[in-house]
């Protein structure tokens, strides 16, 4: 970087921007958010049909298990559905991030990537354990709320290591998670808004701001 002796303020600003960019993971693609949102919408549609077609769950007041065991056919189907959605979204994020890094001539696996994943994983792992506790205690009516809140905390925690939109997406997820905990009869709706619609909205914003 060549110093600009005639205008040291501009030179300091350029150095500051360079340091900020080098400390952040900038290969995150908005297309990965759009893809994750579409996966979530498909998964939510499947979950809705499973709930409507089952006699072991009712959704008009509370989404809770009627049977004594938390591991009935519907709970297992919804768990498999969530795992497939999560796995597909992760693969999509990896693919689109690799493509963006390749286009911009950047490395995908850097110290910034490791910091991002570390700060992202702590709330996600804690949330996953908490969700399993809810399922074992047969309190699946709060699963949608818990997944949204912990996912939002993970995004806020990792937001300082990547694009700024991630921080605000995390705050949105937390808000929707709180609402899902209050209006438990509409947990699936808030889950669909958070993991589906909001991913598409923020992914579109990120794509046009940073990739177009």
N, C-alpha and C. Protein backbone atom coordinates (compact mmCIF):
# COMPACT_ATOMS: atom_id res chain seq x y z
N UNK A 1 0.84 -1.19 0.00
CA UNK A 1 0.00 0.00 0.00
C UNK A 1 0.88 1.24 0.00
N UNK A 2 0.67 2.08 -0.95
CA UNK A 2 1.48 3.28 -1.08
C UNK A 2 0.87 4.42 -0.29
N UNK A 3 1.67 5.06 0.55
CA UNK A 3 1.18 6.14 1.39
C UNK A 3 0.89 7.38 0.58
N UNK A 4 -0.14 8.10 0.99
CA UNK A 4 -0.51 9.34 0.35
C UNK A 4 -0.05 10.48 1.25
N UNK A 5 1.15 11.02 0.98
CA UNK A 5 1.74 12.02 1.85
C UNK A 5 0.99 13.34 1.79
N UNK A 6 0.27 13.59 0.70
CA UNK A 6 -0.44 14.84 0.56
C UNK A 6 -1.72 14.88 1.38
N UNK A 7 -2.26 13.71 1.71
CA UNK A 7 -3.50 13.64 2.48
C UNK A 7 -3.40 12.47 3.46
N UNK A 8 -2.80 12.68 4.62
CA UNK A 8 -2.62 11.57 5.57
C UNK A 8 -3.94 11.02 6.10
N UNK A 9 -5.03 11.83 6.15
CA UNK A 9 -6.30 11.33 6.63
C UNK A 9 -6.85 10.23 5.72
N UNK A 10 -6.73 10.45 4.40
CA UNK A 10 -7.18 9.43 3.46
C UNK A 10 -6.34 8.17 3.58
N UNK A 11 -5.05 8.35 3.84
CA UNK A 11 -4.16 7.21 3.98
C UNK A 11 -4.53 6.39 5.22
N UNK A 12 -4.80 7.07 6.34
CA UNK A 12 -5.20 6.38 7.55
C UNK A 12 -6.55 5.67 7.37
N UNK A 13 -7.46 6.30 6.64
CA UNK A 13 -8.75 5.68 6.36
C UNK A 13 -8.58 4.42 5.52
N UNK A 14 -7.69 4.49 4.54
CA UNK A 14 -7.43 3.31 3.70
C UNK A 14 -6.82 2.18 4.51
N UNK A 15 -5.91 2.52 5.42
CA UNK A 15 -5.31 1.50 6.28
C UNK A 15 -6.35 0.87 7.19
N UNK A 16 -7.23 1.71 7.75
CA UNK A 16 -8.27 1.20 8.63
C UNK A 16 -9.21 0.26 7.88
N UNK A 17 -9.62 0.65 6.67
CA UNK A 17 -10.51 -0.21 5.88
C UNK A 17 -9.82 -1.52 5.52
N UNK A 18 -8.53 -1.45 5.20
CA UNK A 18 -7.80 -2.68 4.86
C UNK A 18 -7.74 -3.62 6.05
N UNK A 19 -7.49 -3.09 7.24
CA UNK A 19 -7.42 -3.92 8.44
C UNK A 19 -8.78 -4.53 8.78
N UNK A 20 -9.84 -3.75 8.59
CA UNK A 20 -11.17 -4.28 8.85
C UNK A 20 -11.52 -5.41 7.89
N UNK A 21 -11.18 -5.25 6.63
CA UNK A 21 -11.47 -6.27 5.64
C UNK A 21 -10.66 -7.53 5.90
N UNK A 22 -9.42 -7.37 6.33
CA UNK A 22 -8.57 -8.53 6.57
C UNK A 22 -8.99 -9.31 7.80
N UNK A 23 -9.74 -8.68 8.71
CA UNK A 23 -10.17 -9.35 9.93
C UNK A 23 -11.59 -9.91 9.83
N UNK A 24 -12.24 -9.79 8.66
CA UNK A 24 -13.60 -10.26 8.50
C UNK A 24 -13.69 -11.30 7.39
N UNK A 25 -14.68 -12.18 7.55
CA UNK A 25 -14.97 -13.18 6.53
C UNK A 25 -15.93 -12.56 5.53
N UNK A 26 -15.42 -12.22 4.35
CA UNK A 26 -16.20 -11.50 3.35
C UNK A 26 -16.65 -12.39 2.20
N UNK A 27 -16.40 -13.69 2.29
CA UNK A 27 -16.79 -14.61 1.22
C UNK A 27 -18.20 -15.14 1.39
N UNK A 28 -18.89 -14.71 2.44
CA UNK A 28 -20.26 -15.15 2.64
C UNK A 28 -21.14 -14.56 1.55
N UNK A 29 -21.83 -15.42 0.82
CA UNK A 29 -22.62 -14.98 -0.32
C UNK A 29 -24.07 -14.78 0.06
N UNK A 30 -24.68 -13.74 -0.48
CA UNK A 30 -26.10 -13.54 -0.28
C UNK A 30 -26.93 -14.65 -0.89
N UNK A 31 -26.40 -15.28 -1.92
CA UNK A 31 -27.13 -16.39 -2.55
C UNK A 31 -27.29 -17.56 -1.60
N UNK A 32 -26.33 -17.74 -0.68
CA UNK A 32 -26.46 -18.82 0.30
C UNK A 32 -27.63 -18.55 1.24
N UNK A 33 -27.87 -17.28 1.57
CA UNK A 33 -29.02 -16.95 2.39
C UNK A 33 -30.33 -17.20 1.66
N UNK A 34 -30.38 -16.83 0.38
CA UNK A 34 -31.59 -17.07 -0.42
C UNK A 34 -31.85 -18.57 -0.53
N UNK A 35 -30.79 -19.33 -0.78
CA UNK A 35 -30.93 -20.79 -0.90
C UNK A 35 -31.42 -21.40 0.41
N UNK A 36 -30.83 -20.95 1.54
CA UNK A 36 -31.25 -21.46 2.85
C UNK A 36 -32.71 -21.14 3.12
N UNK A 37 -33.13 -19.92 2.74
CA UNK A 37 -34.53 -19.55 2.93
C UNK A 37 -35.49 -20.41 2.13
N UNK A 38 -35.12 -20.73 0.90
CA UNK A 38 -35.96 -21.59 0.08
C UNK A 38 -36.04 -23.00 0.67
N UNK A 39 -34.91 -23.50 1.17
CA UNK A 39 -34.91 -24.82 1.82
C UNK A 39 -35.83 -24.83 3.03
N UNK A 40 -35.78 -23.74 3.82
CA UNK A 40 -36.62 -23.65 5.01
C UNK A 40 -38.10 -23.60 4.65
N UNK A 41 -38.44 -22.90 3.58
CA UNK A 41 -39.84 -22.83 3.16
C UNK A 41 -40.35 -24.21 2.75
N UNK A 42 -39.53 -24.95 2.02
CA UNK A 42 -39.93 -26.31 1.62
C UNK A 42 -40.07 -27.20 2.84
N UNK A 43 -39.11 -27.09 3.77
CA UNK A 43 -39.19 -27.89 4.99
C UNK A 43 -40.40 -27.53 5.84
N UNK A 44 -40.73 -26.24 5.91
CA UNK A 44 -41.90 -25.81 6.69
C UNK A 44 -43.19 -26.32 6.06
N UNK A 45 -43.25 -26.32 4.75
CA UNK A 45 -44.44 -26.85 4.06
C UNK A 45 -44.62 -28.33 4.38
N UNK A 46 -43.51 -29.08 4.35
CA UNK A 46 -43.59 -30.50 4.69
C UNK A 46 -44.05 -30.69 6.14
N UNK A 47 -43.48 -29.88 7.06
CA UNK A 47 -43.87 -29.98 8.47
C UNK A 47 -45.35 -29.68 8.66
N UNK A 48 -45.85 -28.70 7.93
CA UNK A 48 -47.27 -28.34 8.04
C UNK A 48 -48.17 -29.50 7.63
N UNK A 49 -47.83 -30.17 6.54
CA UNK A 49 -48.63 -31.29 6.09
C UNK A 49 -48.53 -32.47 7.05
N UNK A 50 -47.36 -32.65 7.66
CA UNK A 50 -47.21 -33.72 8.65
C UNK A 50 -48.10 -33.45 9.85
N UNK A 51 -48.11 -32.18 10.31
CA UNK A 51 -48.92 -31.83 11.47
C UNK A 51 -50.41 -31.98 11.17
N UNK A 52 -50.83 -31.50 10.01
CA UNK A 52 -52.26 -31.57 9.65
C UNK A 52 -52.72 -33.01 9.47
N UNK A 53 -51.83 -33.86 8.96
CA UNK A 53 -52.23 -35.22 8.67
C UNK A 53 -52.07 -36.18 9.83
N UNK A 54 -51.74 -35.65 11.01
CA UNK A 54 -51.47 -36.52 12.16
C UNK A 54 -52.56 -36.37 13.21
N UNK A 55 -52.83 -37.47 13.89
CA UNK A 55 -53.76 -37.42 15.01
C UNK A 55 -53.05 -37.31 16.35
N UNK A 56 -51.72 -37.37 16.36
CA UNK A 56 -50.98 -37.34 17.61
C UNK A 56 -50.53 -35.95 17.99
N UNK A 57 -50.70 -34.98 17.08
CA UNK A 57 -50.40 -33.59 17.40
C UNK A 57 -51.61 -32.74 17.06
N UNK A 58 -51.82 -31.70 17.80
CA UNK A 58 -52.84 -30.74 17.39
C UNK A 58 -52.21 -29.35 17.39
N UNK A 59 -52.69 -28.51 16.47
CA UNK A 59 -52.03 -27.23 16.23
C UNK A 59 -52.95 -26.04 16.43
N UNK A 60 -54.19 -26.27 16.82
CA UNK A 60 -55.10 -25.14 16.94
C UNK A 60 -54.80 -24.30 18.18
N UNK A 61 -54.28 -24.91 19.25
CA UNK A 61 -53.92 -24.15 20.43
C UNK A 61 -52.43 -24.30 20.77
N UNK A 62 -51.95 -25.53 20.89
CA UNK A 62 -50.55 -25.75 21.22
C UNK A 62 -50.02 -26.89 20.36
N UNK A 63 -48.78 -26.73 19.95
CA UNK A 63 -48.11 -27.81 19.24
C UNK A 63 -47.43 -28.68 20.28
N UNK A 64 -48.11 -29.70 20.73
CA UNK A 64 -47.54 -30.54 21.77
C UNK A 64 -47.97 -31.98 21.55
N UNK A 65 -47.21 -32.88 22.08
CA UNK A 65 -47.45 -34.28 21.87
C UNK A 65 -48.56 -34.79 22.80
N UNK A 66 -49.49 -35.56 22.25
CA UNK A 66 -50.55 -36.13 23.05
C UNK A 66 -50.12 -37.45 23.65
N UNK A 67 -49.28 -38.18 22.93
CA UNK A 67 -48.82 -39.47 23.41
C UNK A 67 -47.86 -39.34 24.58
N UNK A 68 -47.64 -40.43 25.30
CA UNK A 68 -46.76 -40.40 26.47
C UNK A 68 -45.31 -40.26 26.06
N UNK A 69 -44.95 -40.84 24.93
CA UNK A 69 -43.56 -40.79 24.49
C UNK A 69 -43.32 -39.58 23.60
N UNK A 70 -42.20 -38.87 23.82
CA UNK A 70 -41.89 -37.73 22.95
C UNK A 70 -41.44 -38.17 21.56
N UNK A 71 -41.09 -39.44 21.42
CA UNK A 71 -40.56 -39.92 20.15
C UNK A 71 -41.64 -40.70 19.39
N UNK A 72 -42.71 -39.98 19.03
CA UNK A 72 -43.73 -40.59 18.19
C UNK A 72 -43.38 -40.37 16.73
N UNK A 73 -44.21 -40.86 15.86
CA UNK A 73 -43.93 -40.82 14.43
C UNK A 73 -43.81 -39.39 13.92
N UNK A 74 -44.66 -38.49 14.42
CA UNK A 74 -44.65 -37.12 13.94
C UNK A 74 -43.39 -36.39 14.39
N UNK A 75 -43.02 -36.56 15.66
CA UNK A 75 -41.81 -35.92 16.18
C UNK A 75 -40.58 -36.38 15.42
N UNK A 76 -40.51 -37.66 15.12
CA UNK A 76 -39.37 -38.20 14.36
C UNK A 76 -39.36 -37.61 12.95
N UNK A 77 -40.54 -37.53 12.33
CA UNK A 77 -40.61 -36.97 10.97
C UNK A 77 -40.17 -35.51 10.94
N UNK A 78 -40.61 -34.73 11.93
CA UNK A 78 -40.23 -33.32 11.99
C UNK A 78 -38.74 -33.16 12.26
N UNK A 79 -38.18 -34.05 13.08
CA UNK A 79 -36.74 -33.98 13.36
C UNK A 79 -35.93 -34.28 12.12
N UNK A 80 -36.32 -35.31 11.39
CA UNK A 80 -35.63 -35.65 10.14
C UNK A 80 -35.75 -34.51 9.14
N UNK A 81 -36.94 -33.92 9.07
CA UNK A 81 -37.17 -32.77 8.18
C UNK A 81 -36.22 -31.63 8.52
N UNK A 82 -36.08 -31.32 9.82
CA UNK A 82 -35.20 -30.22 10.24
C UNK A 82 -33.74 -30.53 9.93
N UNK A 83 -33.33 -31.78 10.12
CA UNK A 83 -31.94 -32.16 9.84
C UNK A 83 -31.63 -32.03 8.35
N UNK A 84 -32.58 -32.45 7.51
CA UNK A 84 -32.37 -32.36 6.06
C UNK A 84 -32.28 -30.90 5.63
N UNK A 85 -33.17 -30.05 6.18
CA UNK A 85 -33.13 -28.61 5.85
C UNK A 85 -31.80 -28.00 6.28
N UNK A 86 -31.36 -28.31 7.50
CA UNK A 86 -30.11 -27.77 8.01
C UNK A 86 -28.92 -28.23 7.17
N UNK A 87 -28.86 -29.52 6.88
CA UNK A 87 -27.74 -30.05 6.09
C UNK A 87 -27.69 -29.47 4.69
N UNK A 88 -28.85 -29.35 4.05
CA UNK A 88 -28.90 -28.78 2.70
C UNK A 88 -28.49 -27.31 2.71
N UNK A 89 -28.95 -26.56 3.72
CA UNK A 89 -28.60 -25.14 3.82
C UNK A 89 -27.09 -24.97 4.04
N UNK A 90 -26.49 -25.83 4.86
CA UNK A 90 -25.04 -25.74 5.11
C UNK A 90 -24.25 -26.03 3.83
N UNK A 91 -24.68 -27.06 3.10
CA UNK A 91 -24.00 -27.37 1.84
C UNK A 91 -24.13 -26.21 0.85
N UNK A 92 -25.31 -25.60 0.80
CA UNK A 92 -25.51 -24.45 -0.08
C UNK A 92 -24.63 -23.28 0.31
N UNK A 93 -24.52 -23.02 1.62
CA UNK A 93 -23.67 -21.92 2.10
C UNK A 93 -22.21 -22.18 1.73
N UNK A 94 -21.78 -23.42 1.87
CA UNK A 94 -20.40 -23.76 1.52
C UNK A 94 -20.15 -23.58 0.02
N UNK A 95 -21.09 -24.04 -0.79
CA UNK A 95 -20.91 -23.94 -2.24
C UNK A 95 -20.87 -22.50 -2.71
N UNK A 96 -21.84 -21.69 -2.28
CA UNK A 96 -21.89 -20.30 -2.75
C UNK A 96 -20.74 -19.46 -2.19
N UNK A 97 -20.30 -19.77 -0.96
CA UNK A 97 -19.16 -19.06 -0.40
C UNK A 97 -17.88 -19.42 -1.15
N UNK A 98 -17.72 -20.68 -1.49
CA UNK A 98 -16.56 -21.10 -2.28
C UNK A 98 -16.55 -20.39 -3.64
N UNK A 99 -17.71 -20.31 -4.25
CA UNK A 99 -17.80 -19.67 -5.55
C UNK A 99 -17.47 -18.19 -5.47
N UNK A 100 -17.97 -17.51 -4.42
CA UNK A 100 -17.67 -16.09 -4.25
C UNK A 100 -16.19 -15.86 -3.97
N UNK A 101 -15.60 -16.71 -3.12
CA UNK A 101 -14.18 -16.57 -2.81
C UNK A 101 -13.32 -16.80 -4.05
N UNK A 102 -13.71 -17.76 -4.86
CA UNK A 102 -12.95 -18.05 -6.08
C UNK A 102 -13.03 -16.89 -7.06
N UNK A 103 -14.21 -16.29 -7.18
CA UNK A 103 -14.37 -15.16 -8.09
C UNK A 103 -13.58 -13.94 -7.65
N UNK A 104 -13.50 -13.72 -6.33
CA UNK A 104 -12.79 -12.55 -5.82
C UNK A 104 -11.32 -12.81 -5.56
N UNK A 105 -10.87 -14.03 -5.82
CA UNK A 105 -9.46 -14.37 -5.64
C UNK A 105 -9.05 -14.44 -4.18
N UNK A 106 -9.98 -14.76 -3.28
CA UNK A 106 -9.68 -14.86 -1.87
C UNK A 106 -9.66 -16.31 -1.42
N UNK A 107 -9.00 -16.55 -0.28
CA UNK A 107 -9.01 -17.87 0.32
C UNK A 107 -10.25 -18.02 1.17
N UNK A 108 -10.85 -19.21 1.12
CA UNK A 108 -12.05 -19.46 1.91
C UNK A 108 -11.70 -19.75 3.37
N UNK A 109 -10.67 -20.56 3.60
CA UNK A 109 -10.31 -20.97 4.95
C UNK A 109 -9.17 -20.09 5.46
N UNK A 110 -9.51 -19.14 6.31
CA UNK A 110 -8.54 -18.22 6.88
C UNK A 110 -8.77 -18.12 8.39
N UNK A 111 -7.96 -17.33 9.04
CA UNK A 111 -8.15 -17.12 10.48
C UNK A 111 -9.50 -16.45 10.75
N UNK A 112 -9.95 -15.59 9.84
CA UNK A 112 -11.27 -14.96 9.99
C UNK A 112 -12.38 -16.01 9.90
N UNK A 113 -12.21 -16.98 9.02
CA UNK A 113 -13.20 -18.05 8.91
C UNK A 113 -13.27 -18.85 10.20
N UNK A 114 -12.12 -19.16 10.77
CA UNK A 114 -12.09 -19.93 12.02
C UNK A 114 -12.74 -19.16 13.16
N UNK A 115 -12.47 -17.86 13.25
CA UNK A 115 -13.09 -17.06 14.30
C UNK A 115 -14.61 -16.99 14.11
N UNK A 116 -15.04 -16.83 12.86
CA UNK A 116 -16.46 -16.79 12.57
C UNK A 116 -17.15 -18.08 13.00
N UNK A 117 -16.60 -19.21 12.61
CA UNK A 117 -17.21 -20.50 12.92
C UNK A 117 -17.21 -20.77 14.42
N UNK A 118 -16.15 -20.36 15.11
CA UNK A 118 -16.07 -20.58 16.56
C UNK A 118 -17.16 -19.79 17.29
N UNK A 119 -17.30 -18.52 16.96
CA UNK A 119 -18.30 -17.70 17.63
C UNK A 119 -19.72 -18.06 17.20
N UNK A 120 -19.86 -18.63 16.01
CA UNK A 120 -21.17 -19.08 15.54
C UNK A 120 -21.57 -20.38 16.22
N UNK A 121 -20.60 -21.26 16.46
CA UNK A 121 -20.91 -22.61 16.93
C UNK A 121 -21.31 -22.66 18.40
N UNK A 122 -20.80 -21.75 19.22
CA UNK A 122 -21.08 -21.82 20.66
C UNK A 122 -22.58 -21.71 20.95
N UNK A 123 -23.27 -20.66 20.49
CA UNK A 123 -24.73 -20.61 20.73
C UNK A 123 -25.49 -21.71 19.99
N UNK A 124 -24.99 -22.13 18.82
CA UNK A 124 -25.69 -23.17 18.08
C UNK A 124 -25.64 -24.51 18.81
N UNK A 125 -24.48 -24.85 19.35
CA UNK A 125 -24.36 -26.11 20.09
C UNK A 125 -25.21 -26.06 21.36
N UNK A 126 -25.14 -24.93 22.07
CA UNK A 126 -25.95 -24.78 23.28
C UNK A 126 -27.44 -24.87 22.94
N UNK A 127 -27.84 -24.24 21.84
CA UNK A 127 -29.23 -24.30 21.42
C UNK A 127 -29.65 -25.70 21.03
N UNK A 128 -28.77 -26.43 20.34
CA UNK A 128 -29.09 -27.80 19.96
C UNK A 128 -29.31 -28.69 21.17
N UNK A 129 -28.46 -28.52 22.20
CA UNK A 129 -28.62 -29.30 23.43
C UNK A 129 -29.93 -28.93 24.12
N UNK A 130 -30.23 -27.64 24.16
CA UNK A 130 -31.47 -27.19 24.81
C UNK A 130 -32.70 -27.71 24.08
N UNK A 131 -32.67 -27.72 22.76
CA UNK A 131 -33.79 -28.24 21.98
C UNK A 131 -33.98 -29.73 22.26
N UNK A 132 -32.88 -30.48 22.38
CA UNK A 132 -32.99 -31.90 22.70
C UNK A 132 -33.63 -32.09 24.08
N UNK A 133 -33.29 -31.22 25.03
CA UNK A 133 -33.91 -31.30 26.35
C UNK A 133 -35.41 -31.07 26.24
N UNK A 134 -35.81 -30.08 25.45
CA UNK A 134 -37.24 -29.80 25.25
C UNK A 134 -37.95 -31.02 24.66
N UNK A 135 -37.32 -31.67 23.69
CA UNK A 135 -37.94 -32.84 23.06
C UNK A 135 -38.06 -33.98 24.06
N UNK A 136 -37.00 -34.23 24.83
CA UNK A 136 -37.05 -35.30 25.83
C UNK A 136 -38.11 -35.03 26.89
N UNK A 137 -38.34 -33.76 27.20
CA UNK A 137 -39.35 -33.40 28.19
C UNK A 137 -40.74 -33.24 27.55
N UNK A 138 -40.83 -33.57 26.27
CA UNK A 138 -42.10 -33.52 25.55
C UNK A 138 -42.67 -32.10 25.50
N UNK A 139 -41.79 -31.11 25.37
CA UNK A 139 -42.21 -29.70 25.29
C UNK A 139 -41.90 -29.14 23.92
N UNK A 140 -42.37 -29.84 22.89
CA UNK A 140 -42.03 -29.45 21.53
C UNK A 140 -42.72 -28.15 21.10
N UNK A 141 -43.66 -27.66 21.93
CA UNK A 141 -44.31 -26.40 21.59
C UNK A 141 -43.35 -25.23 21.65
N UNK A 142 -42.20 -25.39 22.34
CA UNK A 142 -41.22 -24.32 22.46
C UNK A 142 -39.99 -24.52 21.58
N UNK A 143 -40.00 -25.56 20.77
CA UNK A 143 -38.84 -25.84 19.92
C UNK A 143 -38.63 -24.73 18.89
N UNK A 144 -39.71 -24.28 18.25
CA UNK A 144 -39.58 -23.22 17.25
C UNK A 144 -38.99 -21.96 17.87
N UNK A 145 -39.46 -21.59 19.05
CA UNK A 145 -38.95 -20.42 19.74
C UNK A 145 -37.48 -20.57 20.08
N UNK A 146 -37.11 -21.73 20.61
CA UNK A 146 -35.72 -21.95 21.03
C UNK A 146 -34.77 -21.93 19.85
N UNK A 147 -35.15 -22.56 18.74
CA UNK A 147 -34.26 -22.59 17.58
C UNK A 147 -34.05 -21.19 17.01
N UNK A 148 -35.09 -20.39 16.99
CA UNK A 148 -34.96 -19.02 16.47
C UNK A 148 -34.09 -18.16 17.38
N UNK A 149 -34.31 -18.25 18.68
CA UNK A 149 -33.56 -17.41 19.63
C UNK A 149 -32.08 -17.78 19.61
N UNK A 150 -31.77 -19.05 19.71
CA UNK A 150 -30.36 -19.46 19.76
C UNK A 150 -29.67 -19.20 18.42
N UNK A 151 -30.38 -19.40 17.33
CA UNK A 151 -29.80 -19.09 16.02
C UNK A 151 -29.53 -17.60 15.90
N UNK A 152 -30.47 -16.78 16.38
CA UNK A 152 -30.25 -15.34 16.35
C UNK A 152 -29.07 -14.93 17.20
N UNK A 153 -28.91 -15.53 18.38
CA UNK A 153 -27.75 -15.24 19.23
C UNK A 153 -26.46 -15.63 18.53
N UNK A 154 -26.48 -16.76 17.81
CA UNK A 154 -25.29 -17.18 17.08
C UNK A 154 -24.91 -16.18 16.00
N UNK A 155 -25.91 -15.67 15.28
CA UNK A 155 -25.64 -14.69 14.23
C UNK A 155 -25.12 -13.38 14.80
N UNK A 156 -25.71 -12.92 15.91
CA UNK A 156 -25.24 -11.69 16.54
C UNK A 156 -23.82 -11.87 17.04
N UNK A 157 -23.53 -13.04 17.61
CA UNK A 157 -22.20 -13.32 18.15
C UNK A 157 -21.14 -13.36 17.06
N UNK A 158 -21.52 -13.86 15.88
CA UNK A 158 -20.58 -13.99 14.78
C UNK A 158 -20.62 -12.80 13.82
N UNK A 159 -21.59 -11.91 14.00
CA UNK A 159 -21.78 -10.83 13.05
C UNK A 159 -20.61 -9.89 12.93
N UNK A 160 -19.84 -9.72 14.01
CA UNK A 160 -18.70 -8.79 13.95
C UNK A 160 -17.55 -9.34 13.13
N UNK A 161 -17.63 -10.59 12.71
CA UNK A 161 -16.56 -11.20 11.92
C UNK A 161 -16.94 -11.37 10.45
N UNK A 162 -18.08 -10.84 10.04
CA UNK A 162 -18.49 -10.96 8.64
C UNK A 162 -19.32 -9.73 8.26
N UNK A 163 -20.14 -9.84 7.24
CA UNK A 163 -20.92 -8.71 6.74
C UNK A 163 -21.90 -8.21 7.79
N UNK A 164 -22.12 -6.90 7.83
CA UNK A 164 -22.94 -6.29 8.86
C UNK A 164 -24.39 -6.74 8.85
N UNK A 165 -24.90 -7.17 7.70
CA UNK A 165 -26.29 -7.60 7.62
C UNK A 165 -26.57 -8.80 8.52
N UNK A 166 -25.55 -9.62 8.77
CA UNK A 166 -25.73 -10.81 9.60
C UNK A 166 -26.14 -10.42 11.02
N UNK A 167 -25.57 -9.33 11.53
CA UNK A 167 -25.92 -8.87 12.88
C UNK A 167 -27.41 -8.53 12.97
N UNK A 168 -27.92 -7.83 11.99
CA UNK A 168 -29.33 -7.43 12.02
C UNK A 168 -30.26 -8.60 11.73
N UNK A 169 -29.79 -9.54 10.92
CA UNK A 169 -30.57 -10.77 10.73
C UNK A 169 -30.70 -11.51 12.05
N UNK A 170 -29.62 -11.55 12.83
CA UNK A 170 -29.66 -12.20 14.13
C UNK A 170 -30.66 -11.55 15.07
N UNK A 171 -30.67 -10.22 15.11
CA UNK A 171 -31.63 -9.51 15.96
C UNK A 171 -33.06 -9.81 15.53
N UNK A 172 -33.29 -9.91 14.23
CA UNK A 172 -34.63 -10.24 13.72
C UNK A 172 -35.04 -11.64 14.15
N UNK A 173 -34.11 -12.59 14.08
CA UNK A 173 -34.40 -13.97 14.48
C UNK A 173 -34.74 -14.03 15.97
N UNK A 174 -34.01 -13.29 16.80
CA UNK A 174 -34.29 -13.29 18.23
C UNK A 174 -35.69 -12.76 18.51
N UNK A 175 -36.05 -11.67 17.84
CA UNK A 175 -37.38 -11.09 18.03
C UNK A 175 -38.47 -12.07 17.63
N UNK A 176 -38.29 -12.72 16.48
CA UNK A 176 -39.29 -13.70 16.04
C UNK A 176 -39.35 -14.89 16.99
N UNK A 177 -38.20 -15.28 17.55
CA UNK A 177 -38.18 -16.37 18.52
C UNK A 177 -38.94 -16.04 19.79
N UNK A 178 -38.80 -14.81 20.25
CA UNK A 178 -39.55 -14.38 21.43
C UNK A 178 -41.05 -14.40 21.15
N UNK A 179 -41.42 -13.91 19.98
CA UNK A 179 -42.84 -13.92 19.60
C UNK A 179 -43.36 -15.35 19.48
N UNK A 180 -42.51 -16.25 18.97
CA UNK A 180 -42.91 -17.65 18.86
C UNK A 180 -43.11 -18.27 20.24
N UNK A 181 -42.35 -17.80 21.24
CA UNK A 181 -42.53 -18.30 22.59
C UNK A 181 -43.78 -17.76 23.25
N UNK A 182 -44.21 -16.58 22.84
CA UNK A 182 -45.44 -15.99 23.38
C UNK A 182 -46.67 -16.58 22.71
N UNK A 183 -46.63 -16.62 21.39
CA UNK A 183 -47.76 -17.16 20.61
C UNK A 183 -47.38 -18.56 20.13
N UNK A 184 -47.39 -19.52 21.06
CA UNK A 184 -46.88 -20.85 20.74
C UNK A 184 -47.73 -21.57 19.70
N UNK A 185 -49.00 -21.19 19.59
CA UNK A 185 -49.85 -21.85 18.60
C UNK A 185 -49.45 -21.49 17.17
N UNK A 186 -48.63 -20.45 17.03
CA UNK A 186 -48.17 -20.03 15.71
C UNK A 186 -46.66 -20.19 15.57
N UNK A 187 -46.10 -21.14 16.33
CA UNK A 187 -44.66 -21.36 16.30
C UNK A 187 -44.12 -21.67 14.92
N UNK A 188 -44.83 -22.52 14.19
CA UNK A 188 -44.37 -22.89 12.85
C UNK A 188 -44.38 -21.68 11.91
N UNK A 189 -45.36 -20.80 12.09
CA UNK A 189 -45.43 -19.59 11.26
C UNK A 189 -44.22 -18.70 11.50
N UNK A 190 -43.88 -18.46 12.78
CA UNK A 190 -42.72 -17.63 13.09
C UNK A 190 -41.42 -18.30 12.63
N UNK A 191 -41.37 -19.64 12.75
CA UNK A 191 -40.20 -20.38 12.27
C UNK A 191 -40.05 -20.19 10.77
N UNK A 192 -41.15 -20.25 10.05
CA UNK A 192 -41.12 -20.06 8.59
C UNK A 192 -40.68 -18.65 8.23
N UNK A 193 -41.18 -17.66 8.97
CA UNK A 193 -40.76 -16.28 8.71
C UNK A 193 -39.27 -16.09 8.99
N UNK A 194 -38.79 -16.65 10.09
CA UNK A 194 -37.40 -16.44 10.48
C UNK A 194 -36.41 -17.16 9.59
N UNK A 195 -36.59 -18.46 9.44
CA UNK A 195 -35.64 -19.25 8.66
C UNK A 195 -35.91 -19.21 7.17
N UNK A 196 -37.14 -18.90 6.80
CA UNK A 196 -37.47 -18.84 5.38
C UNK A 196 -37.42 -17.45 4.80
N UNK A 197 -38.43 -16.65 5.13
CA UNK A 197 -38.58 -15.33 4.51
C UNK A 197 -37.42 -14.39 4.83
N UNK A 198 -37.00 -14.35 6.11
CA UNK A 198 -35.94 -13.42 6.50
C UNK A 198 -34.60 -13.76 5.84
N UNK A 199 -34.33 -15.05 5.65
CA UNK A 199 -33.10 -15.43 4.95
C UNK A 199 -33.14 -14.94 3.50
N UNK A 200 -34.29 -15.06 2.88
CA UNK A 200 -34.41 -14.61 1.50
C UNK A 200 -34.26 -13.09 1.41
N UNK A 201 -34.90 -12.36 2.34
CA UNK A 201 -34.82 -10.90 2.33
C UNK A 201 -33.39 -10.44 2.56
N UNK A 202 -32.76 -10.92 3.63
CA UNK A 202 -31.40 -10.48 3.93
C UNK A 202 -30.40 -10.98 2.90
N UNK A 203 -30.62 -12.20 2.38
CA UNK A 203 -29.74 -12.71 1.34
C UNK A 203 -29.80 -11.86 0.09
N UNK A 204 -31.00 -11.40 -0.26
CA UNK A 204 -31.15 -10.54 -1.43
C UNK A 204 -30.45 -9.20 -1.21
N UNK A 205 -30.62 -8.63 -0.02
CA UNK A 205 -29.95 -7.36 0.30
C UNK A 205 -28.43 -7.52 0.23
N UNK A 206 -27.91 -8.59 0.80
CA UNK A 206 -26.46 -8.83 0.79
C UNK A 206 -25.95 -9.01 -0.63
N UNK A 207 -26.72 -9.72 -1.44
CA UNK A 207 -26.28 -9.97 -2.81
C UNK A 207 -26.17 -8.67 -3.61
N UNK A 208 -27.20 -7.84 -3.52
CA UNK A 208 -27.17 -6.59 -4.31
C UNK A 208 -26.22 -5.54 -3.74
N UNK A 209 -25.95 -5.62 -2.44
CA UNK A 209 -25.01 -4.64 -1.86
C UNK A 209 -23.56 -5.02 -2.05
N UNK A 210 -23.26 -6.31 -2.05
CA UNK A 210 -21.86 -6.73 -2.02
C UNK A 210 -21.42 -7.55 -3.22
N UNK A 211 -22.33 -8.01 -4.05
CA UNK A 211 -21.94 -8.92 -5.13
C UNK A 211 -22.34 -8.42 -6.51
N UNK A 212 -23.28 -7.51 -6.62
CA UNK A 212 -23.70 -7.01 -7.92
C UNK A 212 -22.77 -5.88 -8.34
